[in-house]
Amino acid sequence: MSSTYPPVKFGAFFGPFHKVGLDPTLALKQDLELIEHMDRLGFAEAWVGEHHSGGVEIVASPEIMVAAAAARTSRIKLGLGVISLPYHHPFMVADRVVLLDHLTEGRVIFGAGPGQLTDDCRIIGINPMDNRRKLEQALDVIIRLFDGQTVQETTDWYTVDGYLQLAPFSDIEIAVTGAWSPTGPSLAGRYGTGLLSLGATTPAGLELLASHWKVVEEQAAISGRPVSRDSWRLLQLTHIAETEEQALADVADRLLTMNNYMAQISPAAVEYESVESLVRDTNASGGGLIGTPEMLVAHIKRLQEKSGGFGRYLMLQGDWATQEATKRSYQLIAEEVVPYFNGSLRSRERGYSEVLSSNLAGAQATTAAVNAAREQFDAKHASTS
């Protein structure tokens, strides 16, 4: 780990993306099972999204999923990833998040965004062109409510006149999404929140990373609020196996279908005809990594150089591989990638290196001590015989 960049913590972002042919009840159980697995492996956080259409991302309420996951885990932080604020009254969002903050004893992270799926907007009769304005309005109200303020405000889509009867359990961590527009980075800087870069899965999104963080810092300077790269999260398609060939085999039957679905809803995603081409381009573009632990370490180092440094690497979770292959991927990352970036290996590597460069000093000293002890023993017994 380079001292130039902040330590990187690891987590996963559950859209979640499930193949349509999978039983939905089983799919949700598998999501919770994976979060439990991540908790046991020591991952820092798991995020769950909100979607209402499309048949693939089937969690309508991240709050309910986070509550279910909290009951099954003990340490991992759980992100609402993210609540689409234009779909909800801001007072009700704040009230539910504070309740979760108590139930999880401070493990919940509040993620806020404008909503992505245009069909979600159509279903509830809102204009997606208004979503970023509504995100800004709602976030401002929610933050003031978290701070214990009485909010009195009327807009064209909500009225608030009150305060939260339940104060937060903790200083609730907040992250705002940023993908293509500067709205998210601007809000993150204005309010001193984290930034969740969802567009880092594509070359176009990667090219925006540095400029987005610049917006964060500029707005933070204007507002006078502190910001830190430690709370900047990058989202990437990731699957790891013991060999590059095994990683490709793991995703061969499923990744193409999921990618081509995402191409219909994401501005910069591209459809592919073969999984080999998809994996090759994903790895080459920097939008993700399908490969080995060593390849992932090198990939994240390149991301650090490109972005200037970030604090969280989130793996996009979906049905790219079987449940068992996915669990194995997380295990390999926990064992061989996480330690490289969190600094936990530095002292061990130093000690190991010192031993290897000692020119057998330890072995020679031990041999000398053993020989001396033997000679002393022989001399003592010889004098008494």
Protein backbone atom coordinates (compact mmCIF):
# COMPACT_ATOMS: atom_id res chain seq x y z
CA MET A 1 0.00 0.00 0.00
CA SER A 2 1.42 3.39 -0.97
CA SER A 3 1.46 6.09 1.68
CA THR A 4 0.40 8.54 -1.05
CA TYR A 5 -3.19 7.32 -0.94
CA PRO A 6 -5.63 6.68 1.91
CA PRO A 7 -6.14 3.06 3.00
CA VAL A 8 -8.84 1.32 0.98
CA LYS A 9 -11.70 -0.54 2.61
CA PHE A 10 -13.81 -3.02 0.69
CA GLY A 11 -17.49 -3.74 0.32
CA ALA A 12 -20.20 -4.71 -2.13
CA PHE A 13 -23.09 -2.94 -3.81
CA PHE A 14 -26.20 -5.08 -4.24
CA GLY A 15 -28.47 -3.60 -6.92
CA PRO A 16 -29.14 -6.41 -6.67
CA PHE A 17 -28.93 -7.78 -10.21
CA HIS A 18 -30.73 -11.13 -10.41
CA LYS A 19 -31.39 -13.18 -13.50
CA VAL A 20 -35.10 -13.27 -14.28
CA GLY A 21 -35.26 -17.08 -14.21
CA LEU A 22 -34.18 -17.28 -10.55
CA ASP A 23 -36.87 -17.70 -7.90
CA PRO A 24 -37.15 -14.21 -6.29
CA THR A 25 -37.53 -15.48 -2.74
CA LEU A 26 -34.38 -17.57 -3.12
CA ALA A 27 -32.59 -14.63 -4.75
CA LEU A 28 -33.29 -12.39 -1.76
CA LYS A 29 -32.17 -15.12 0.64
CA GLN A 30 -28.94 -15.47 -1.32
CA ASP A 31 -28.33 -11.71 -1.04
CA LEU A 32 -28.64 -11.90 2.74
CA GLU A 33 -26.46 -15.01 2.82
CA LEU A 34 -23.73 -13.18 0.94
CA ILE A 35 -23.89 -10.22 3.33
CA GLU A 36 -23.50 -12.64 6.25
CA HIS A 37 -20.53 -14.20 4.45
CA MET A 38 -18.97 -10.76 3.96
CA ASP A 39 -19.47 -9.96 7.63
CA ARG A 40 -17.60 -13.11 8.65
CA LEU A 41 -14.77 -12.28 6.23
CA GLY A 42 -14.33 -8.79 7.65
CA PHE A 43 -15.59 -6.64 4.77
CA ALA A 44 -16.34 -3.04 5.72
CA GLU A 45 -19.76 -2.47 4.18
CA ALA A 46 -22.61 -3.78 2.03
CA TRP A 47 -25.05 -1.54 0.14
CA VAL A 48 -28.55 -2.38 -1.08
CA GLY A 49 -30.40 -0.45 -3.79
CA GLU A 50 -33.97 0.67 -4.44
CA HIS A 51 -35.74 -0.19 -7.69
CA HIS A 52 -39.34 -0.79 -8.71
CA SER A 53 -39.30 -2.02 -12.31
CA GLY A 54 -37.29 -3.97 -14.87
CA GLY A 55 -37.60 -7.41 -13.26
CA VAL A 56 -33.87 -7.67 -12.39
CA GLU A 57 -33.26 -5.34 -9.43
CA ILE A 58 -36.01 -6.59 -7.15
CA VAL A 59 -35.49 -4.77 -3.85
CA ALA A 60 -38.18 -2.12 -3.42
CA SER A 61 -37.06 -1.01 0.04
CA PRO A 62 -33.38 -0.98 0.99
CA GLU A 63 -34.46 -0.09 4.55
CA ILE A 64 -36.22 -3.44 4.96
CA MET A 65 -33.30 -5.37 3.48
CA VAL A 66 -30.83 -3.53 5.72
CA ALA A 67 -32.97 -4.33 8.77
CA ALA A 68 -33.01 -8.01 7.78
CA ALA A 69 -29.25 -8.00 7.17
CA ALA A 70 -28.57 -6.22 10.47
CA ALA A 71 -30.28 -9.03 12.36
CA ARG A 72 -27.97 -11.56 10.69
CA THR A 73 -24.67 -9.68 11.07
CA SER A 74 -22.64 -8.12 13.86
CA ARG A 75 -20.03 -5.74 12.47
CA ILE A 76 -20.40 -4.87 8.78
CA LYS A 77 -21.82 -1.44 7.96
CA LEU A 78 -25.01 -1.46 5.90
CA GLY A 79 -25.65 1.16 3.24
CA LEU A 80 -28.99 2.33 1.88
CA GLY A 81 -27.72 2.35 -1.64
CA VAL A 82 -29.43 4.47 -2.45
CA ILE A 83 -32.81 5.85 -1.46
CA SER A 84 -34.28 7.61 -4.49
CA LEU A 85 -35.31 10.79 -2.70
CA PRO A 86 -37.70 12.16 -5.35
CA TYR A 87 -39.91 9.09 -4.76
CA HIS A 88 -40.43 9.83 -1.05
CA HIS A 89 -41.49 12.53 1.39
CA PRO A 90 -38.20 13.72 2.94
CA PHE A 91 -39.55 13.70 6.51
CA MET A 92 -40.52 10.04 6.21
CA VAL A 93 -37.09 9.14 4.82
CA ALA A 94 -35.35 10.89 7.71
CA ASP A 95 -37.63 9.22 10.25
CA ARG A 96 -36.98 5.72 8.84
CA VAL A 97 -33.22 6.22 8.61
CA VAL A 98 -32.99 7.37 12.22
CA LEU A 99 -35.00 4.33 13.31
CA LEU A 100 -32.55 2.10 11.42
CA ASP A 101 -29.67 3.97 13.01
CA HIS A 102 -30.98 2.86 16.40
CA LEU A 103 -31.82 -0.70 15.36
CA THR A 104 -28.34 -1.20 13.87
CA GLU A 105 -26.62 0.76 16.67
CA GLY A 106 -24.94 3.08 14.22
CA ARG A 107 -24.16 0.64 11.41
CA VAL A 108 -26.44 2.18 8.79
CA ILE A 109 -25.11 4.51 6.08
CA PHE A 110 -27.61 6.83 4.40
CA GLY A 111 -27.15 6.90 0.64
CA ALA A 112 -29.12 9.46 -1.37
CA GLY A 113 -29.70 9.68 -5.10
CA PRO A 114 -32.14 10.95 -7.74
CA GLY A 115 -33.31 7.52 -8.97
CA GLN A 116 -32.16 5.86 -12.16
CA LEU A 117 -34.94 3.85 -13.79
CA THR A 118 -37.28 5.98 -15.88
CA ASP A 119 -39.99 3.33 -15.55
CA ASP A 120 -39.93 3.85 -11.78
CA CYS A 121 -40.77 7.50 -12.41
CA ARG A 122 -43.51 6.64 -14.90
CA ILE A 123 -45.17 4.23 -12.47
CA ILE A 124 -45.58 6.87 -9.76
CA GLY A 125 -46.23 9.75 -12.15
CA ILE A 126 -43.17 11.93 -11.67
CA ASN A 127 -41.04 13.65 -14.29
CA PRO A 128 -37.44 12.33 -14.27
CA MET A 129 -36.27 15.76 -15.44
CA ASP A 130 -37.20 17.07 -12.00
CA ASN A 131 -35.36 14.40 -10.04
CA ARG A 132 -32.07 16.20 -9.45
CA ARG A 133 -33.83 19.32 -8.23
CA LYS A 134 -35.92 17.20 -5.90
CA LEU A 135 -32.83 15.36 -4.68
CA GLU A 136 -31.24 18.67 -3.64
CA GLN A 137 -34.40 19.86 -1.90
CA ALA A 138 -35.04 16.62 -0.03
CA LEU A 139 -31.42 16.13 1.03
CA ASP A 140 -31.29 19.60 2.54
CA VAL A 141 -34.43 18.88 4.60
CA ILE A 142 -33.17 15.48 5.75
CA ILE A 143 -29.81 16.81 6.90
CA ARG A 144 -31.48 19.58 8.89
CA LEU A 145 -33.79 17.03 10.51
CA PHE A 146 -30.82 14.81 11.38
CA ASP A 147 -29.27 17.89 13.04
CA GLY A 148 -32.28 18.26 15.33
CA GLN A 149 -33.74 21.29 13.60
CA THR A 150 -37.42 22.10 13.24
CA VAL A 151 -38.05 22.35 9.51
CA GLN A 152 -40.85 24.46 8.05
CA GLU A 153 -40.86 24.31 4.28
CA THR A 154 -43.35 24.01 1.44
CA THR A 155 -42.47 23.16 -2.17
CA ASP A 156 -44.41 21.96 -5.19
CA TRP A 157 -44.13 18.36 -3.99
CA TYR A 158 -43.99 18.30 -0.18
CA THR A 159 -44.77 20.24 2.97
CA VAL A 160 -42.75 19.82 6.17
CA ASP A 161 -43.59 21.44 9.49
CA GLY A 162 -41.90 19.64 12.36
CA TYR A 163 -38.92 17.82 13.80
CA LEU A 164 -37.87 14.23 14.41
CA GLN A 165 -39.19 12.85 17.68
CA LEU A 166 -36.28 10.39 17.76
CA ALA A 167 -32.76 11.82 17.71
CA PRO A 168 -30.13 9.83 15.80
CA PHE A 169 -28.23 7.12 17.65
CA SER A 170 -25.00 8.13 15.90
CA ASP A 171 -23.60 10.82 13.66
CA ILE A 172 -25.20 9.22 10.61
CA GLU A 173 -22.80 8.79 7.72
CA ILE A 174 -24.19 10.13 4.44
CA ALA A 175 -23.12 9.49 0.84
CA VAL A 176 -24.53 11.01 -2.35
CA THR A 177 -24.39 9.28 -5.71
CA GLY A 178 -22.42 10.71 -8.58
CA ALA A 179 -22.43 9.11 -12.02
CA TRP A 180 -22.52 11.40 -15.03
CA SER A 181 -23.68 14.83 -13.87
CA PRO A 182 -21.95 17.10 -11.33
CA THR A 183 -25.06 17.15 -9.11
CA GLY A 184 -23.88 14.45 -6.71
CA PRO A 185 -20.31 15.77 -6.31
CA SER A 186 -21.66 19.28 -5.81
CA LEU A 187 -24.00 18.14 -3.02
CA ALA A 188 -21.26 16.06 -1.41
CA GLY A 189 -19.04 19.13 -1.19
CA ARG A 190 -21.82 21.45 -0.09
CA TYR A 191 -22.85 19.25 2.83
CA GLY A 192 -19.55 17.50 3.57
CA THR A 193 -20.88 14.02 2.78
CA GLY A 194 -19.29 11.04 1.10
CA LEU A 195 -19.42 10.53 -2.66
CA LEU A 196 -20.60 7.25 -4.20
CA SER A 197 -19.30 7.09 -7.79
CA LEU A 198 -21.64 4.70 -9.58
CA GLY A 199 -20.30 5.55 -13.03
CA ALA A 200 -16.86 4.05 -12.43
CA THR A 201 -17.90 0.86 -14.24
CA THR A 202 -17.47 2.49 -17.67
CA PRO A 203 -14.62 4.30 -19.44
CA ALA A 204 -16.69 7.48 -19.64
CA GLY A 205 -17.41 7.36 -15.93
CA LEU A 206 -13.75 6.74 -15.12
CA GLU A 207 -12.73 9.83 -17.06
CA LEU A 208 -15.05 11.92 -14.85
CA LEU A 209 -13.57 10.77 -11.54
CA ALA A 210 -10.90 13.43 -11.15
CA SER A 211 -13.20 16.24 -12.27
CA HIS A 212 -15.95 15.05 -9.92
CA TRP A 213 -13.63 15.13 -6.92
CA LYS A 214 -12.51 18.59 -7.95
CA VAL A 215 -16.16 19.68 -7.80
CA VAL A 216 -16.43 18.15 -4.31
CA GLU A 217 -13.42 20.11 -3.09
CA GLU A 218 -14.54 23.37 -4.72
CA GLN A 219 -18.00 23.19 -3.18
CA ALA A 220 -16.56 22.18 0.20
CA ALA A 221 -14.32 25.25 0.13
CA ILE A 222 -17.37 27.45 -0.50
CA SER A 223 -19.50 25.83 2.22
CA GLY A 224 -16.68 25.52 4.71
CA ARG A 225 -17.37 21.84 5.32
CA PRO A 226 -14.58 19.26 5.51
CA VAL A 227 -14.44 16.47 2.96
CA SER A 228 -12.15 13.46 2.77
CA ARG A 229 -11.17 11.02 0.06
CA ASP A 230 -11.60 8.34 2.71
CA SER A 231 -15.38 8.63 2.22
CA TRP A 232 -15.16 8.46 -1.59
CA ARG A 233 -16.53 5.14 -2.87
CA LEU A 234 -15.90 3.67 -6.32
CA LEU A 235 -18.21 1.00 -7.71
CA GLN A 236 -16.77 -1.65 -10.05
CA LEU A 237 -17.73 -4.95 -11.66
CA THR A 238 -15.47 -7.50 -9.95
CA HIS A 239 -15.12 -11.28 -9.87
CA ILE A 240 -12.02 -13.14 -8.72
CA ALA A 241 -10.83 -16.77 -8.92
CA GLU A 242 -7.56 -18.65 -8.49
CA THR A 243 -6.76 -18.32 -12.19
CA GLU A 244 -7.82 -15.97 -14.96
CA GLU A 245 -9.27 -18.92 -16.87
CA GLN A 246 -11.37 -19.98 -13.88
CA ALA A 247 -12.69 -16.45 -13.39
CA LEU A 248 -13.83 -16.33 -17.03
CA ALA A 249 -15.43 -19.78 -16.71
CA ASP A 250 -17.27 -18.65 -13.57
CA VAL A 251 -19.02 -15.79 -15.39
CA ALA A 252 -19.33 -17.40 -18.82
CA ASP A 253 -23.01 -18.37 -18.53
CA ARG A 254 -24.45 -15.28 -16.83
CA LEU A 255 -22.43 -12.08 -17.17
CA LEU A 256 -23.38 -11.35 -20.78
CA THR A 257 -27.11 -11.38 -20.03
CA MET A 258 -26.73 -9.09 -17.03
CA ASN A 259 -24.47 -6.68 -18.94
CA ASN A 260 -26.86 -6.39 -21.84
CA TYR A 261 -29.66 -5.57 -19.43
CA MET A 262 -27.56 -2.81 -17.87
CA ALA A 263 -26.84 -1.43 -21.33
CA GLN A 264 -30.54 -0.63 -21.62
CA ILE A 265 -30.62 1.49 -18.45
CA SER A 266 -27.14 2.98 -18.13
CA PRO A 267 -26.03 5.83 -20.44
CA ALA A 268 -22.52 4.50 -21.08
CA ALA A 269 -22.91 0.71 -20.91
CA VAL A 270 -22.47 -1.24 -24.15
CA GLU A 271 -24.07 -4.46 -25.38
CA TYR A 272 -21.80 -7.39 -26.29
CA GLU A 273 -22.20 -10.56 -28.31
CA SER A 274 -19.59 -12.63 -26.45
CA VAL A 275 -18.57 -12.82 -22.82
CA GLU A 276 -14.91 -13.08 -23.83
CA SER A 277 -15.06 -9.67 -25.51
CA LEU A 278 -16.95 -8.21 -22.58
CA VAL A 279 -14.39 -9.42 -20.03
CA ARG A 280 -11.45 -8.37 -22.19
CA ASP A 281 -12.82 -4.84 -22.62
CA THR A 282 -13.88 -4.52 -18.98
CA ASN A 283 -10.38 -5.40 -17.80
CA ALA A 284 -8.67 -3.23 -20.40
CA SER A 285 -10.87 -0.17 -19.84
CA GLY A 286 -10.50 -0.11 -16.06
CA GLY A 287 -14.25 -0.40 -15.52
CA GLY A 288 -13.84 -3.59 -13.51
CA LEU A 289 -11.79 -6.72 -13.14
CA ILE A 290 -12.53 -10.36 -13.91
CA GLY A 291 -9.39 -12.27 -13.01
CA THR A 292 -7.07 -13.15 -10.14
CA PRO A 293 -6.22 -11.47 -6.82
CA GLU A 294 -2.90 -10.26 -8.24
CA MET A 295 -4.72 -8.69 -11.19
CA LEU A 296 -7.16 -6.94 -8.85
CA VAL A 297 -4.33 -5.46 -6.76
CA ALA A 298 -2.74 -4.02 -9.90
CA HIS A 299 -6.13 -2.79 -11.11
CA ILE A 300 -6.92 -0.91 -7.90
CA LYS A 301 -3.46 0.66 -7.90
CA ARG A 302 -4.22 2.02 -11.38
CA LEU A 303 -7.53 3.39 -10.11
CA GLN A 304 -5.72 5.15 -7.28
CA GLU A 305 -3.37 6.78 -9.76
CA LYS A 306 -6.22 7.83 -12.05
CA SER A 307 -8.46 9.23 -9.32
CA GLY A 308 -5.86 10.58 -6.92
CA GLY A 309 -7.00 8.21 -4.21
CA PHE A 310 -10.26 6.98 -2.67
CA GLY A 311 -11.33 5.23 0.51
CA ARG A 312 -13.76 2.49 -0.50
CA TYR A 313 -13.81 -0.07 -3.31
CA LEU A 314 -17.31 -1.50 -3.81
CA MET A 315 -17.86 -4.60 -5.92
CA LEU A 316 -21.03 -4.55 -7.99
CA GLN A 317 -22.97 -7.62 -6.91
CA GLY A 318 -25.14 -9.59 -9.31
CA ASP A 319 -25.75 -13.05 -10.67
CA TRP A 320 -22.54 -13.03 -12.71
CA ALA A 321 -21.54 -16.39 -11.20
CA THR A 322 -23.00 -19.11 -9.00
CA GLN A 323 -23.47 -18.46 -5.32
CA GLU A 324 -20.52 -20.68 -4.40
CA ALA A 325 -18.21 -19.07 -6.97
CA THR A 326 -19.24 -15.64 -5.69
CA LYS A 327 -18.50 -16.64 -2.10
CA ARG A 328 -15.09 -17.92 -3.18
CA SER A 329 -14.42 -14.62 -4.96
CA TYR A 330 -15.12 -12.66 -1.78
CA GLN A 331 -12.94 -15.03 0.22
CA LEU A 332 -9.98 -14.59 -2.12
CA ILE A 333 -10.38 -10.81 -2.03
CA ALA A 334 -10.53 -10.82 1.79
CA GLU A 335 -7.48 -13.06 2.05
CA GLU A 336 -5.20 -11.64 -0.65
CA VAL A 337 -6.38 -8.18 -1.75
CA VAL A 338 -7.79 -6.39 1.29
CA PRO A 339 -4.58 -6.77 3.37
CA TYR A 340 -2.52 -5.13 0.65
CA PHE A 341 -4.58 -1.93 0.76
CA ASN A 342 -5.43 -1.61 4.44
CA GLY A 343 -1.82 -1.63 5.60
CA SER A 344 -2.12 -4.73 7.78
CA LEU A 345 0.75 -6.52 6.00
CA ARG A 346 3.43 -3.87 6.31
CA SER A 347 4.89 -4.94 9.66
CA ARG A 348 4.64 -8.62 8.77
CA GLU A 349 6.34 -8.05 5.41
CA ARG A 350 9.07 -6.03 7.13
CA GLY A 351 9.73 -8.82 9.62
CA TYR A 352 9.69 -11.46 6.92
CA SER A 353 12.08 -9.46 4.75
CA GLU A 354 14.48 -8.94 7.65
CA VAL A 355 14.60 -12.67 8.29
CA LEU A 356 15.25 -13.52 4.62
CA SER A 357 18.04 -10.93 4.36
CA SER A 358 19.76 -12.01 7.58
CA ASN A 359 22.16 -14.47 5.86
CA LEU A 360 21.04 -17.30 8.14
CA ALA A 361 21.93 -15.23 11.23
CA GLY A 362 19.01 -16.63 13.20
CA ALA A 363 19.81 -20.23 12.36
CA GLN A 364 23.50 -19.71 13.08
CA ALA A 365 22.80 -18.05 16.44
CA THR A 366 20.45 -20.84 17.43
CA THR A 367 23.02 -23.47 16.40
CA ALA A 368 25.73 -21.70 18.38
CA ALA A 369 23.50 -21.52 21.46
CA VAL A 370 22.60 -25.20 21.20
CA ASN A 371 26.28 -26.19 20.80
CA ALA A 372 27.29 -24.03 23.78
CA ALA A 373 24.58 -25.56 25.93
CA ARG A 374 25.68 -29.05 24.93
CA GLU A 375 29.32 -28.27 25.72
CA GLN A 376 28.38 -26.86 29.11
CA PHE A 377 26.29 -29.89 29.87
CA ASP A 378 29.08 -32.30 28.84
CA ALA A 379 31.68 -30.38 30.86
CA LYS A 380 29.51 -30.35 33.98
CA HIS A 381 28.79 -34.04 33.83
CA ALA A 382 32.44 -34.87 33.03
CA SER A 383 33.61 -33.10 36.22
CA THR A 384 31.21 -35.04 38.43
CA SER A 385 31.94 -38.46 37.00
